[in-house]
Amino acid sequence: MLLHEKPLPATPATVRTALLLNRRRHGAFALGQLRVPLLSEPGAALSGRLLTAPEPPVRCFVLDTTAHRLGLRDLAALAENDPARQVRARAAEAAARQAVWTDQAELLRRLARSRHAELRITALTGLMRTGAPQAVVTRLDDPSPLIRALAREAARRTGTDPLAHYRAAVRTAEPPVGAIGGLAETGGRADDPLLTALLDHPSAPVRVHALRALRSLDLVPVPRVTELLRDGSAAVVEEAAAALAPSAGRLSVDLLWELLTDPRRPAVRRAGYGC
């Protein structure tokens, strides 16, 4: 009743309460009343205050209601700086939409360099829509599988061979982990030697991703991976145990007991249980 008579006192508390009520399908009226001041002429100041509310659902509600009224710079800043993933994703989507409409590819390129995957995929999708697939091809080695898939579509449009790119990238002294994942997504049995060689790489993340790639391609070299059950990296040990799980019957009982009784390393003992 209070919101109906005077909807201006919209605060983070009232929005949060209405959102909680809406989960039980009793808050639609309250949310509708809260949208009134946000969409009115003086609503910009109100939405600005609510966008600093500590609760991510409140900020999401404000964005969903007023994104079309916020400036491109404000949306981009919110996408880059908000601590909540769901808020960043909504702000990035709205910013990318405006950037595509107004042909501001430079802002899309800036968002595409973000450390947050949800910003990168939105910005890169926008670049594809603006007819700039060559800018998306550069993300073939991205850590995100979704972004790699988009980059491969861009590569198809520009005549780039993703498989050749991945094979060349994993041969370098410091292969990007995204390239290893990309090779697993596009390669086959012919890439067994390349991936197996990475199990000797000094970088633990490279060894972890090589194990995942071999596992996904069903190319796990059981004797070599068994040696990694005592690797210096706990992450490598865990990944090796996961890769060997389907072949656990081929491991010796003595080895499993040695793993289970390791006095110093919990990761090795967990590997014994996992195998």
C-alpha atoms as a PDB file:
ATOM      1  CA  MET A   1       0.000   0.000   0.000  1.00  0.00           C
ATOM      2  CA  LEU A   2       2.837   2.387   0.881  1.00  0.00           C
ATOM      3  CA  LEU A   3       4.568   1.776  -2.460  1.00  0.00           C
ATOM      4  CA  HIS A   4       1.294   2.298  -4.306  1.00  0.00           C
ATOM      5  CA  GLU A   5       0.699   5.659  -2.631  1.00  0.00           C
ATOM      6  CA  LYS A   6       4.305   6.864  -2.711  1.00  0.00           C
ATOM      7  CA  PRO A   7       6.672   4.721  -4.756  1.00  0.00           C
ATOM      8  CA  LEU A   8       9.666   7.064  -4.424  1.00  0.00           C
ATOM      9  CA  PRO A   9      11.024   5.529  -1.183  1.00  0.00           C
ATOM     10  CA  ALA A  10      12.592   2.701  -3.200  1.00  0.00           C
ATOM     11  CA  THR A  11      15.603   1.535  -1.192  1.00  0.00           C
ATOM     12  CA  PRO A  12      17.848  -1.533  -1.354  1.00  0.00           C
ATOM     13  CA  ALA A  13      15.802  -2.974   1.505  1.00  0.00           C
ATOM     14  CA  THR A  14      12.454  -2.583  -0.271  1.00  0.00           C
ATOM     15  CA  VAL A  15      13.835  -3.965  -3.545  1.00  0.00           C
ATOM     16  CA  ARG A  16      15.426  -6.893  -1.744  1.00  0.00           C
ATOM     17  CA  THR A  17      12.185  -7.656   0.096  1.00  0.00           C
ATOM     18  CA  ALA A  18      10.144  -7.499  -3.112  1.00  0.00           C
ATOM     19  CA  LEU A  19      12.601  -9.794  -4.874  1.00  0.00           C
ATOM     20  CA  LEU A  20      12.371 -12.312  -2.026  1.00  0.00           C
ATOM     21  CA  LEU A  21       8.578 -12.162  -2.133  1.00  0.00           C
ATOM     22  CA  ASN A  22       8.664 -12.639  -5.893  1.00  0.00           C
ATOM     23  CA  ARG A  23      10.379 -15.988  -5.407  1.00  0.00           C
ATOM     24  CA  ARG A  24       7.103 -17.129  -3.859  1.00  0.00           C
ATOM     25  CA  ARG A  25       5.123 -15.447  -6.640  1.00  0.00           C
ATOM     26  CA  HIS A  26       3.828 -12.752  -4.319  1.00  0.00           C
ATOM     27  CA  GLY A  27       6.090  -9.856  -5.236  1.00  0.00           C
ATOM     28  CA  ALA A  28       5.092  -8.947  -8.796  1.00  0.00           C
ATOM     29  CA  PHE A  29       2.991  -5.965  -7.720  1.00  0.00           C
ATOM     30  CA  ALA A  30       5.727  -4.611  -5.457  1.00  0.00           C
ATOM     31  CA  LEU A  31       8.363  -4.946  -8.172  1.00  0.00           C
ATOM     32  CA  GLY A  32       6.056  -3.179 -10.614  1.00  0.00           C
ATOM     33  CA  GLN A  33       5.637  -0.319  -8.185  1.00  0.00           C
ATOM     34  CA  LEU A  34       9.395  -0.098  -7.670  1.00  0.00           C
ATOM     35  CA  ARG A  35       9.943   0.184 -11.407  1.00  0.00           C
ATOM     36  CA  VAL A  36       7.821   3.340 -11.547  1.00  0.00           C
ATOM     37  CA  PRO A  37      10.363   5.696  -9.920  1.00  0.00           C
ATOM     38  CA  LEU A  38      13.244   4.053 -11.768  1.00  0.00           C
ATOM     39  CA  LEU A  39      11.614   4.745 -15.121  1.00  0.00           C
ATOM     40  CA  SER A  40      10.485   8.274 -14.283  1.00  0.00           C
ATOM     41  CA  GLU A  41      12.422  11.395 -15.253  1.00  0.00           C
ATOM     42  CA  PRO A  42      14.125  11.832 -11.845  1.00  0.00           C
ATOM     43  CA  GLY A  43      14.862   8.105 -11.759  1.00  0.00           C
ATOM     44  CA  ALA A  44      18.507   8.410 -12.827  1.00  0.00           C
ATOM     45  CA  ALA A  45      19.674   9.508  -9.387  1.00  0.00           C
ATOM     46  CA  LEU A  46      17.630   6.761  -7.730  1.00  0.00           C
ATOM     47  CA  SER A  47      18.999   4.036 -10.007  1.00  0.00           C
ATOM     48  CA  GLY A  48      22.512   5.351  -9.360  1.00  0.00           C
ATOM     49  CA  ARG A  49      22.023   4.887  -5.618  1.00  0.00           C
ATOM     50  CA  LEU A  50      20.540   1.430  -6.028  1.00  0.00           C
ATOM     51  CA  LEU A  51      23.404   0.349  -8.295  1.00  0.00           C
ATOM     52  CA  THR A  52      25.706   0.751  -5.292  1.00  0.00           C
ATOM     53  CA  ALA A  53      23.543  -1.499  -3.099  1.00  0.00           C
ATOM     54  CA  PRO A  54      25.503  -4.321  -1.482  1.00  0.00           C
ATOM     55  CA  GLU A  55      23.129  -7.052  -2.726  1.00  0.00           C
ATOM     56  CA  PRO A  56      23.820  -8.286  -6.296  1.00  0.00           C
ATOM     57  CA  PRO A  57      20.122  -9.172  -6.922  1.00  0.00           C
ATOM     58  CA  VAL A  58      19.184  -5.533  -6.240  1.00  0.00           C
ATOM     59  CA  ARG A  59      21.789  -4.276  -8.706  1.00  0.00           C
ATOM     60  CA  CYS A  60      20.600  -6.832 -11.273  1.00  0.00           C
ATOM     61  CA  PHE A  61      17.000  -5.648 -10.875  1.00  0.00           C
ATOM     62  CA  VAL A  62      18.036  -2.037 -11.460  1.00  0.00           C
ATOM     63  CA  LEU A  63      20.087  -2.992 -14.506  1.00  0.00           C
ATOM     64  CA  ASP A  64      17.270  -5.045 -15.986  1.00  0.00           C
ATOM     65  CA  THR A  65      14.951  -2.072 -15.537  1.00  0.00           C
ATOM     66  CA  THR A  66      17.137   0.857 -16.545  1.00  0.00           C
ATOM     67  CA  ALA A  67      19.973  -0.464 -18.725  1.00  0.00           C
ATOM     68  CA  HIS A  68      18.498   1.249 -21.798  1.00  0.00           C
ATOM     69  CA  ARG A  69      18.756   4.598 -19.993  1.00  0.00           C
ATOM     70  CA  LEU A  70      22.315   4.236 -18.735  1.00  0.00           C
ATOM     71  CA  GLY A  71      25.203   5.630 -20.749  1.00  0.00           C
ATOM     72  CA  LEU A  72      27.663   3.386 -22.526  1.00  0.00           C
ATOM     73  CA  ARG A  73      30.573   4.506 -20.336  1.00  0.00           C
ATOM     74  CA  ASP A  74      28.619   3.808 -17.151  1.00  0.00           C
ATOM     75  CA  LEU A  75      27.631   0.347 -18.360  1.00  0.00           C
ATOM     76  CA  ALA A  76      31.196  -0.476 -19.367  1.00  0.00           C
ATOM     77  CA  ALA A  77      32.551   0.691 -16.005  1.00  0.00           C
ATOM     78  CA  LEU A  78      29.965  -1.407 -14.178  1.00  0.00           C
ATOM     79  CA  ALA A  79      30.800  -4.432 -16.333  1.00  0.00           C
ATOM     80  CA  GLU A  80      34.501  -4.091 -15.612  1.00  0.00           C
ATOM     81  CA  ASN A  81      34.372  -3.261 -11.914  1.00  0.00           C
ATOM     82  CA  ASP A  82      31.325  -4.841 -10.259  1.00  0.00           C
ATOM     83  CA  PRO A  83      32.331  -7.703  -7.926  1.00  0.00           C
ATOM     84  CA  ALA A  84      29.317  -9.896  -8.827  1.00  0.00           C
ATOM     85  CA  ARG A  85      29.495 -12.040 -11.937  1.00  0.00           C
ATOM     86  CA  GLN A  86      25.776 -11.793 -12.717  1.00  0.00           C
ATOM     87  CA  VAL A  87      25.905  -7.984 -12.572  1.00  0.00           C
ATOM     88  CA  ARG A  88      28.993  -7.849 -14.783  1.00  0.00           C
ATOM     89  CA  ALA A  89      27.347 -10.122 -17.330  1.00  0.00           C
ATOM     90  CA  ARG A  90      24.166  -8.004 -17.500  1.00  0.00           C
ATOM     91  CA  ALA A  91      26.104  -4.754 -17.753  1.00  0.00           C
ATOM     92  CA  ALA A  92      28.411  -6.176 -20.420  1.00  0.00           C
ATOM     93  CA  GLU A  93      25.467  -7.382 -22.481  1.00  0.00           C
ATOM     94  CA  ALA A  94      23.822  -3.961 -22.345  1.00  0.00           C
ATOM     95  CA  ALA A  95      27.105  -2.174 -23.109  1.00  0.00           C
ATOM     96  CA  ALA A  96      27.865  -4.470 -26.047  1.00  0.00           C
ATOM     97  CA  ARG A  97      24.375  -3.976 -27.436  1.00  0.00           C
ATOM     98  CA  GLN A  98      24.792  -0.195 -27.365  1.00  0.00           C
ATOM     99  CA  ALA A  99      28.306  -0.439 -28.803  1.00  0.00           C
ATOM    100  CA  VAL A 100      27.062  -2.538 -31.731  1.00  0.00           C
ATOM    101  CA  TRP A 101      24.207  -0.121 -32.400  1.00  0.00           C
ATOM    102  CA  THR A 102      26.524   2.912 -32.311  1.00  0.00           C
ATOM    103  CA  ASP A 103      29.456   1.188 -34.072  1.00  0.00           C
ATOM    104  CA  GLN A 104      31.920   1.638 -31.203  1.00  0.00           C
ATOM    105  CA  ALA A 105      34.178  -1.303 -31.885  1.00  0.00           C
ATOM    106  CA  GLU A 106      36.996   0.091 -29.740  1.00  0.00           C
ATOM    107  CA  LEU A 107      34.929  -0.321 -26.593  1.00  0.00           C
ATOM    108  CA  LEU A 108      34.150  -3.904 -27.599  1.00  0.00           C
ATOM    109  CA  ARG A 109      37.861  -4.549 -28.065  1.00  0.00           C
ATOM    110  CA  ARG A 110      38.516  -3.151 -24.597  1.00  0.00           C
ATOM    111  CA  LEU A 111      35.935  -5.433 -23.015  1.00  0.00           C
ATOM    112  CA  ALA A 112      37.321  -8.360 -25.027  1.00  0.00           C
ATOM    113  CA  ARG A 113      40.613  -7.937 -23.150  1.00  0.00           C
ATOM    114  CA  SER A 114      38.943  -8.308 -19.746  1.00  0.00           C
ATOM    115  CA  ARG A 115      40.067 -10.969 -17.302  1.00  0.00           C
ATOM    116  CA  HIS A 116      36.407 -11.916 -16.864  1.00  0.00           C
ATOM    117  CA  ALA A 117      35.220 -14.531 -19.372  1.00  0.00           C
ATOM    118  CA  GLU A 118      31.618 -13.283 -19.299  1.00  0.00           C
ATOM    119  CA  LEU A 119      32.813  -9.887 -20.570  1.00  0.00           C
ATOM    120  CA  ARG A 120      35.063 -11.367 -23.221  1.00  0.00           C
ATOM    121  CA  ILE A 121      32.415 -13.615 -24.765  1.00  0.00           C
ATOM    122  CA  THR A 122      29.860 -10.786 -24.896  1.00  0.00           C
ATOM    123  CA  ALA A 123      32.324  -8.326 -26.436  1.00  0.00           C
ATOM    124  CA  LEU A 124      33.638 -10.851 -28.952  1.00  0.00           C
ATOM    125  CA  THR A 125      30.099 -11.743 -29.988  1.00  0.00           C
ATOM    126  CA  GLY A 126      29.531  -8.029 -30.564  1.00  0.00           C
ATOM    127  CA  LEU A 127      32.661  -7.827 -32.706  1.00  0.00           C
ATOM    128  CA  MET A 128      31.388 -10.718 -34.803  1.00  0.00           C
ATOM    129  CA  ARG A 129      28.123  -8.849 -35.309  1.00  0.00           C
ATOM    130  CA  THR A 130      29.962  -5.720 -36.419  1.00  0.00           C
ATOM    131  CA  GLY A 131      31.743  -7.701 -39.109  1.00  0.00           C
ATOM    132  CA  ALA A 132      35.164  -7.948 -37.427  1.00  0.00           C
ATOM    133  CA  PRO A 133      35.852 -11.699 -37.171  1.00  0.00           C
ATOM    134  CA  GLN A 134      39.596 -11.092 -37.545  1.00  0.00           C
ATOM    135  CA  ALA A 135      39.576  -9.524 -34.053  1.00  0.00           C
ATOM    136  CA  VAL A 136      37.923 -12.659 -32.666  1.00  0.00           C
ATOM    137  CA  VAL A 137      40.379 -15.109 -34.235  1.00  0.00           C
ATOM    138  CA  THR A 138      43.049 -13.803 -31.849  1.00  0.00           C
ATOM    139  CA  ARG A 139      41.201 -15.564 -29.015  1.00  0.00           C
ATOM    140  CA  LEU A 140      41.755 -19.100 -30.302  1.00  0.00           C
ATOM    141  CA  ASP A 141      43.912 -19.761 -27.228  1.00  0.00           C
ATOM    142  CA  ASP A 142      41.459 -18.298 -24.710  1.00  0.00           C
ATOM    143  CA  PRO A 143      41.113 -20.259 -21.447  1.00  0.00           C
ATOM    144  CA  SER A 144      37.307 -20.328 -21.906  1.00  0.00           C
ATOM    145  CA  PRO A 145      35.983 -23.209 -24.073  1.00  0.00           C
ATOM    146  CA  LEU A 146      33.006 -21.084 -25.145  1.00  0.00           C
ATOM    147  CA  ILE A 147      35.268 -18.291 -26.376  1.00  0.00           C
ATOM    148  CA  ARG A 148      37.512 -20.776 -28.194  1.00  0.00           C
ATOM    149  CA  ALA A 149      34.446 -22.133 -29.991  1.00  0.00           C
ATOM    150  CA  LEU A 150      33.467 -18.611 -31.054  1.00  0.00           C
ATOM    151  CA  ALA A 151      37.029 -17.933 -32.203  1.00  0.00           C
ATOM    152  CA  ARG A 152      36.999 -21.099 -34.317  1.00  0.00           C
ATOM    153  CA  GLU A 153      33.833 -19.884 -36.034  1.00  0.00           C
ATOM    154  CA  ALA A 154      35.612 -16.590 -36.722  1.00  0.00           C
ATOM    155  CA  ALA A 155      38.596 -18.566 -38.023  1.00  0.00           C
ATOM    156  CA  ARG A 156      36.313 -20.432 -40.413  1.00  0.00           C
ATOM    157  CA  ARG A 157      35.067 -17.117 -41.795  1.00  0.00           C
ATOM    158  CA  THR A 158      38.579 -15.764 -42.268  1.00  0.00           C
ATOM    159  CA  GLY A 159      40.154 -18.892 -43.719  1.00  0.00           C
ATOM    160  CA  THR A 160      42.314 -19.698 -40.666  1.00  0.00           C
ATOM    161  CA  ASP A 161      42.943 -23.354 -39.768  1.00  0.00           C
ATOM    162  CA  PRO A 162      42.375 -23.692 -35.979  1.00  0.00           C
ATOM    163  CA  LEU A 163      43.854 -27.192 -35.776  1.00  0.00           C
ATOM    164  CA  ALA A 164      47.103 -26.072 -37.431  1.00  0.00           C
ATOM    165  CA  HIS A 165      47.194 -23.107 -35.062  1.00  0.00           C
ATOM    166  CA  TYR A 166      46.771 -25.300 -31.984  1.00  0.00           C
ATOM    167  CA  ARG A 167      49.400 -27.784 -33.121  1.00  0.00           C
ATOM    168  CA  ALA A 168      51.888 -24.975 -33.660  1.00  0.00           C
ATOM    169  CA  ALA A 169      51.034 -23.361 -30.314  1.00  0.00           C
ATOM    170  CA  VAL A 170      51.570 -26.493 -28.223  1.00  0.00           C
ATOM    171  CA  ARG A 171      55.012 -26.947 -29.792  1.00  0.00           C
ATOM    172  CA  THR A 172      56.218 -23.644 -28.343  1.00  0.00           C
ATOM    173  CA  ALA A 173      58.342 -23.426 -25.201  1.00  0.00           C
ATOM    174  CA  GLU A 174      55.417 -21.994 -23.210  1.00  0.00           C
ATOM    175  CA  PRO A 175      52.223 -23.427 -24.723  1.00  0.00           C
ATOM    176  CA  PRO A 176      49.058 -21.559 -23.663  1.00  0.00           C
ATOM    177  CA  VAL A 177      46.723 -23.806 -21.705  1.00  0.00           C
ATOM    178  CA  GLY A 178      43.907 -22.595 -23.964  1.00  0.00           C
ATOM    179  CA  ALA A 179      45.777 -23.969 -26.968  1.00  0.00           C
ATOM    180  CA  ILE A 180      46.039 -27.361 -25.251  1.00  0.00           C
ATOM    181  CA  GLY A 181      42.298 -27.303 -24.611  1.00  0.00           C
ATOM    182  CA  GLY A 182      41.688 -26.245 -28.205  1.00  0.00           C
ATOM    183  CA  LEU A 183      43.771 -29.132 -29.499  1.00  0.00           C
ATOM    184  CA  ALA A 184      41.705 -31.517 -27.388  1.00  0.00           C
ATOM    185  CA  GLU A 185      38.545 -30.031 -28.932  1.00  0.00           C
ATOM    186  CA  THR A 186      39.711 -30.238 -32.531  1.00  0.00           C
ATOM    187  CA  GLY A 187      42.449 -32.876 -32.658  1.00  0.00           C
ATOM    188  CA  GLY A 188      42.549 -36.640 -32.679  1.00  0.00           C
ATOM    189  CA  ARG A 189      44.827 -39.653 -32.356  1.00  0.00           C
ATOM    190  CA  ALA A 190      47.466 -38.046 -34.544  1.00  0.00           C
ATOM    191  CA  ASP A 191      48.063 -35.545 -31.727  1.00  0.00           C
ATOM    192  CA  ASP A 192      48.948 -38.199 -29.163  1.00  0.00           C
ATOM    193  CA  PRO A 193      52.746 -37.560 -29.367  1.00  0.00           C
ATOM    194  CA  LEU A 194      52.296 -33.803 -29.012  1.00  0.00           C
ATOM    195  CA  LEU A 195      50.123 -34.073 -25.923  1.00  0.00           C
ATOM    196  CA  THR A 196      52.129 -36.862 -24.300  1.00  0.00           C
ATOM    197  CA  ALA A 197      55.302 -34.796 -24.662  1.00  0.00           C
ATOM    198  CA  LEU A 198      53.653 -32.045 -22.611  1.00  0.00           C
ATOM    199  CA  LEU A 199      53.524 -34.375 -19.598  1.00  0.00           C
ATOM    200  CA  ASP A 200      57.235 -33.593 -19.156  1.00  0.00           C
ATOM    201  CA  HIS A 201      56.746 -29.829 -19.278  1.00  0.00           C
ATOM    202  CA  PRO A 202      58.096 -27.955 -16.219  1.00  0.00           C
ATOM    203  CA  SER A 203      54.847 -26.000 -15.807  1.00  0.00           C
ATOM    204  CA  ALA A 204      52.250 -27.762 -13.649  1.00  0.00           C
ATOM    205  CA  PRO A 205      49.249 -26.089 -15.381  1.00  0.00           C
ATOM    206  CA  VAL A 206      50.558 -27.331 -18.732  1.00  0.00           C
ATOM    207  CA  ARG A 207      50.833 -30.877 -17.376  1.00  0.00           C
ATOM    208  CA  VAL A 208      47.322 -30.649 -15.901  1.00  0.00           C
ATOM    209  CA  HIS A 209      45.781 -29.498 -19.191  1.00  0.00           C
ATOM    210  CA  ALA A 210      47.749 -32.072 -21.168  1.00  0.00           C
ATOM    211  CA  LEU A 211      46.298 -34.786 -18.929  1.00  0.00           C
ATOM    212  CA  ARG A 212      42.795 -33.426 -19.464  1.00  0.00           C
ATOM    213  CA  ALA A 213      43.327 -33.335 -23.220  1.00  0.00           C
ATOM    214  CA  LEU A 214      44.619 -36.926 -23.343  1.00  0.00           C
ATOM    215  CA  ARG A 215      41.708 -38.031 -21.186  1.00  0.00           C
ATOM    216  CA  SER A 216      39.118 -36.295 -23.391  1.00  0.00           C
ATOM    217  CA  LEU A 217      40.605 -37.880 -26.518  1.00  0.00           C
ATOM    218  CA  ASP A 218      40.823 -41.310 -24.840  1.00  0.00           C
ATOM    219  CA  LEU A 219      44.594 -41.369 -25.395  1.00  0.00           C
ATOM    220  CA  VAL A 220      45.817 -41.789 -21.799  1.00  0.00           C
ATOM    221  CA  PRO A 221      49.267 -43.488 -21.776  1.00  0.00           C
ATOM    222  CA  VAL A 222      48.772 -45.497 -18.592  1.00  0.00           C
ATOM    223  CA  PRO A 223      52.446 -46.227 -17.718  1.00  0.00           C
ATOM    224  CA  ARG A 224      53.510 -42.594 -18.191  1.00  0.00           C
ATOM    225  CA  VAL A 225      50.528 -41.146 -16.353  1.00  0.00           C
ATOM    226  CA  THR A 226      51.070 -43.593 -13.484  1.00  0.00           C
ATOM    227  CA  GLU A 227      54.411 -41.893 -12.867  1.00  0.00           C
ATOM    228  CA  LEU A 228      52.576 -38.602 -12.357  1.00  0.00           C
ATOM    229  CA  LEU A 229      50.776 -39.979  -9.302  1.00  0.00           C
ATOM    230  CA  ARG A 230      53.853 -38.812  -7.410  1.00  0.00           C
ATOM    231  CA  ASP A 231      54.213 -35.511  -9.244  1.00  0.00           C
ATOM    232  CA  GLY A 232      55.332 -32.507  -7.206  1.00  0.00           C
ATOM    233  CA  SER A 233      52.063 -30.698  -7.974  1.00  0.00           C
ATOM    234  CA  ALA A 234      48.920 -31.765  -6.118  1.00  0.00           C
ATOM    235  CA  ALA A 235      46.799 -30.607  -9.086  1.00  0.00           C
ATOM    236  CA  VAL A 236      48.760 -32.873 -11.441  1.00  0.00           C
ATOM    237  CA  VAL A 237      48.399 -35.819  -9.052  1.00  0.00           C
ATOM    238  CA  GLU A 238      44.627 -35.313  -8.864  1.00  0.00           C
ATOM    239  CA  GLU A 239      44.307 -35.022 -12.644  1.00  0.00           C
ATOM    240  CA  ALA A 240      46.472 -38.107 -13.173  1.00  0.00           C
ATOM    241  CA  ALA A 241      44.271 -40.101 -10.784  1.00  0.00           C
ATOM    242  CA  ALA A 242      41.159 -38.985 -12.679  1.00  0.00           C
ATOM    243  CA  ALA A 243      42.752 -39.959 -15.993  1.00  0.00           C
ATOM    244  CA  LEU A 244      43.706 -43.392 -14.662  1.00  0.00           C
ATOM    245  CA  ALA A 245      40.372 -44.172 -13.001  1.00  0.00           C
ATOM    246  CA  PRO A 246      38.960 -46.060 -16.041  1.00  0.00           C
ATOM    247  CA  SER A 247      42.161 -48.149 -16.129  1.00  0.00           C
ATOM    248  CA  ALA A 248      42.424 -48.744 -12.378  1.00  0.00           C
ATOM    249  CA  GLY A 249      42.327 -52.503 -12.885  1.00  0.00           C
ATOM    250  CA  ARG A 250      45.677 -52.332 -14.671  1.00  0.00           C
ATOM    251  CA  LEU A 251      47.452 -50.779 -11.674  1.00  0.00           C
ATOM    252  CA  SER A 252      49.308 -53.000  -9.235  1.00  0.00           C
ATOM    253  CA  VAL A 253      47.918 -53.485  -5.753  1.00  0.00           C
ATOM    254  CA  ASP A 254      51.350 -52.731  -4.287  1.00  0.00           C
ATOM    255  CA  LEU A 255      51.361 -49.337  -5.980  1.00  0.00           C
ATOM    256  CA  LEU A 256      47.927 -48.476  -4.619  1.00  0.00           C
ATOM    257  CA  TRP A 257      49.003 -49.418  -1.079  1.00  0.00           C
ATOM    258  CA  GLU A 258      52.087 -47.223  -1.443  1.00  0.00           C
ATOM    259  CA  LEU A 259      49.901 -44.326  -2.470  1.00  0.00           C
ATOM    260  CA  LEU A 260      47.434 -44.896   0.357  1.00  0.00           C
ATOM    261  CA  THR A 261      50.170 -44.964   2.983  1.00  0.00           C
ATOM    262  CA  ASP A 262      52.148 -41.941   1.776  1.00  0.00           C
ATOM    263  CA  PRO A 263      53.030 -40.177   5.056  1.00  0.00           C
ATOM    264  CA  ARG A 264      53.456 -36.646   3.755  1.00  0.00           C
ATOM    265  CA  ARG A 265      51.143 -35.862   0.852  1.00  0.00           C
ATOM    266  CA  PRO A 266      47.329 -35.963   1.160  1.00  0.00           C
ATOM    267  CA  ALA A 267      46.959 -35.568  -2.633  1.00  0.00           C
ATOM    268  CA  VAL A 268      48.861 -38.819  -3.175  1.00  0.00           C
ATOM    269  CA  ARG A 269      46.715 -40.648  -0.617  1.00  0.00           C
ATOM    270  CA  ARG A 270      43.562 -39.311  -2.291  1.00  0.00           C
ATOM    271  CA  ALA A 271      44.922 -40.558  -5.608  1.00  0.00           C
ATOM    272  CA  GLY A 272      45.221 -44.024  -4.112  1.00  0.00           C
ATOM    273  CA  TYR A 273      41.557 -43.923  -3.121  1.00  0.00           C
ATOM    274  CA  GLY A 274      40.569 -42.510  -6.497  1.00  0.00           C
ATOM    275  CA  CYS A 275      42.328 -45.234  -8.431  1.00  0.00           C
END
